[in-house]
C-alpha atoms as a PDB file:
ATOM      1  CA  MET A   1      12.446   7.678  -5.124  1.00  0.00           C
ATOM      2  CA  THR A   2      12.206   7.567  -8.890  1.00  0.00           C
ATOM      3  CA  ASP A   3       9.490   9.430 -10.766  1.00  0.00           C
ATOM      4  CA  SER A   4       7.784   6.146 -11.713  1.00  0.00           C
ATOM      5  CA  LYS A   5       7.687   5.016  -8.075  1.00  0.00           C
ATOM      6  CA  ARG A   6       6.421   8.387  -6.912  1.00  0.00           C
ATOM      7  CA  ALA A   7       3.683   8.337  -9.580  1.00  0.00           C
ATOM      8  CA  ALA A   8       2.670   4.788  -8.583  1.00  0.00           C
ATOM      9  CA  VAL A   9       2.467   5.749  -4.903  1.00  0.00           C
ATOM     10  CA  GLU A  10       0.418   8.863  -5.645  1.00  0.00           C
ATOM     11  CA  ARG A  11      -1.967   6.942  -7.910  1.00  0.00           C
ATOM     12  CA  ASN A  12      -2.456   4.246  -5.282  1.00  0.00           C
ATOM     13  CA  TYR A  13      -3.033   6.772  -2.512  1.00  0.00           C
ATOM     14  CA  GLU A  14      -5.671   8.675  -4.470  1.00  0.00           C
ATOM     15  CA  ALA A  15      -7.490   5.453  -5.400  1.00  0.00           C
ATOM     16  CA  PHE A  16      -7.376   4.366  -1.763  1.00  0.00           C
ATOM     17  CA  ARG A  17      -8.786   7.679  -0.508  1.00  0.00           C
ATOM     18  CA  GLN A  18     -11.714   7.390  -2.894  1.00  0.00           C
ATOM     19  CA  ARG A  19     -12.561   3.865  -1.695  1.00  0.00           C
ATOM     20  CA  LEU A  20     -11.938   4.498   2.002  1.00  0.00           C
ATOM     21  CA  PRO A  21     -15.594   4.868   3.109  1.00  0.00           C
ATOM     22  CA  GLU A  22     -16.536   1.425   1.745  1.00  0.00           C
ATOM     23  CA  LEU A  23     -13.301  -0.169   3.006  1.00  0.00           C
ATOM     24  CA  LEU A  24     -13.884   1.003   6.569  1.00  0.00           C
ATOM     25  CA  ALA A  25     -17.024  -1.122   6.747  1.00  0.00           C
ATOM     26  CA  THR A  26     -15.282  -4.306   5.657  1.00  0.00           C
ATOM     27  CA  HIS A  27     -11.521  -4.010   6.277  1.00  0.00           C
ATOM     28  CA  ARG A  28     -10.977  -1.557   9.162  1.00  0.00           C
ATOM     29  CA  GLY A  29      -7.545  -1.994  10.736  1.00  0.00           C
ATOM     30  CA  LYS A  30      -6.173  -4.059   7.848  1.00  0.00           C
ATOM     31  CA  PHE A  31      -3.360  -3.090   5.491  1.00  0.00           C
ATOM     32  CA  ALA A  32      -4.042  -2.894   1.769  1.00  0.00           C
ATOM     33  CA  LEU A  33      -1.397  -3.902  -0.735  1.00  0.00           C
ATOM     34  CA  MET A  34      -1.890  -1.702  -3.787  1.00  0.00           C
ATOM     35  CA  ARG A  35      -0.632  -1.677  -7.357  1.00  0.00           C
ATOM     36  CA  GLU A  36      -1.710   0.406 -10.333  1.00  0.00           C
ATOM     37  CA  GLY A  37      -4.538   1.998  -8.363  1.00  0.00           C
ATOM     38  CA  ASP A  38      -6.036  -1.341  -7.326  1.00  0.00           C
ATOM     39  CA  ILE A  39      -6.058  -3.135  -4.001  1.00  0.00           C
ATOM     40  CA  THR A  40      -4.600  -6.574  -4.622  1.00  0.00           C
ATOM     41  CA  GLU A  41      -4.936  -8.006  -1.114  1.00  0.00           C
ATOM     42  CA  PHE A  42      -5.459  -7.161   2.576  1.00  0.00           C
ATOM     43  CA  PHE A  43      -3.138  -8.116   5.436  1.00  0.00           C
ATOM     44  CA  ASP A  44      -3.170  -7.966   9.222  1.00  0.00           C
ATOM     45  CA  THR A  45       0.164  -6.129   9.446  1.00  0.00           C
ATOM     46  CA  ALA A  46       2.051  -3.589   7.363  1.00  0.00           C
ATOM     47  CA  ARG A  47       5.060  -5.914   7.423  1.00  0.00           C
ATOM     48  CA  ASP A  48       3.077  -8.785   5.897  1.00  0.00           C
ATOM     49  CA  ALA A  49       1.736  -6.500   3.174  1.00  0.00           C
ATOM     50  CA  TYR A  50       5.210  -5.160   2.439  1.00  0.00           C
ATOM     51  CA  LEU A  51       6.782  -8.627   2.238  1.00  0.00           C
ATOM     52  CA  ALA A  52       4.016  -9.817  -0.096  1.00  0.00           C
ATOM     53  CA  GLY A  53       4.538  -6.732  -2.252  1.00  0.00           C
ATOM     54  CA  GLN A  54       8.253  -7.454  -2.511  1.00  0.00           C
ATOM     55  CA  LYS A  55       7.556 -11.029  -3.564  1.00  0.00           C
ATOM     56  CA  LEU A  56       4.792 -10.216  -6.037  1.00  0.00           C
ATOM     57  CA  TYR A  57       6.245  -7.024  -7.519  1.00  0.00           C
ATOM     58  CA  PRO A  58      10.054  -7.110  -7.867  1.00  0.00           C
ATOM     59  CA  ASP A  59       9.926  -3.714  -9.608  1.00  0.00           C
ATOM     60  CA  ALA A  60       8.783  -2.239  -6.247  1.00  0.00           C
ATOM     61  CA  LEU A  61       5.882  -0.355  -7.862  1.00  0.00           C
ATOM     62  CA  PHE A  62       3.442  -1.025  -5.040  1.00  0.00           C
ATOM     63  CA  SER A  63       2.331   0.655  -1.850  1.00  0.00           C
ATOM     64  CA  VAL A  64       0.833  -0.257   1.506  1.00  0.00           C
ATOM     65  CA  GLN A  65      -2.062   1.629   3.080  1.00  0.00           C
ATOM     66  CA  GLU A  66      -3.784   1.113   6.449  1.00  0.00           C
ATOM     67  CA  VAL A  67      -7.581   1.171   6.482  1.00  0.00           C
ATOM     68  CA  THR A  68      -8.337   3.762   9.180  1.00  0.00           C
ATOM     69  CA  ASP A  69     -10.706   6.678   9.641  1.00  0.00           C
ATOM     70  CA  THR A  70      -7.925   9.094   8.730  1.00  0.00           C
ATOM     71  CA  PRO A  71      -5.957   8.029   5.666  1.00  0.00           C
ATOM     72  CA  ALA A  72      -2.218   8.414   5.987  1.00  0.00           C
ATOM     73  CA  ASP A  73      -0.013   8.229   2.965  1.00  0.00           C
ATOM     74  CA  LEU A  74       1.876   5.011   3.761  1.00  0.00           C
ATOM     75  CA  GLY A  75       2.662   4.470   0.116  1.00  0.00           C
ATOM     76  CA  PHE A  76       6.161   5.732   0.773  1.00  0.00           C
ATOM     77  CA  PHE A  77       6.449   3.107   3.533  1.00  0.00           C
ATOM     78  CA  SER A  78       7.149   0.425   0.980  1.00  0.00           C
ATOM     79  CA  HIS A  79      10.180   2.343  -0.242  1.00  0.00           C
ATOM     80  CA  ALA A  80      11.457   3.413   3.165  1.00  0.00           C
ATOM     81  CA  MET A  81      11.914  -0.130   4.439  1.00  0.00           C
ATOM     82  CA  PRO A  82      15.346  -1.772   4.328  1.00  0.00           C
ATOM     83  CA  GLN A  83      16.113  -3.532   1.068  1.00  0.00           C
ATOM     84  CA  HIS A  84      17.196  -6.762   2.764  1.00  0.00           C
ATOM     85  CA  HIS A  85      14.704  -9.417   3.800  1.00  0.00           C
ATOM     86  CA  VAL A  86      13.167  -8.754   7.209  1.00  0.00           C
END
């Protein structure tokens, strides 16, 4: 992962952690598509969020995070997926 991708993932994860308490009340179990520290949209599956991220952000500077009681850094998920269309 490049330094710019790693920085984007870390920024998104920290922003997500800070907003998690409010998100649990409204989006529990959903997957957040994130870019530049902002949540751009919520999806029912990680796959849907990832595919939308690929379409919207060809530079791959986005991450996907599940809204759960225990945040897990899924930001790397978006870079660990195969590069071909699923």
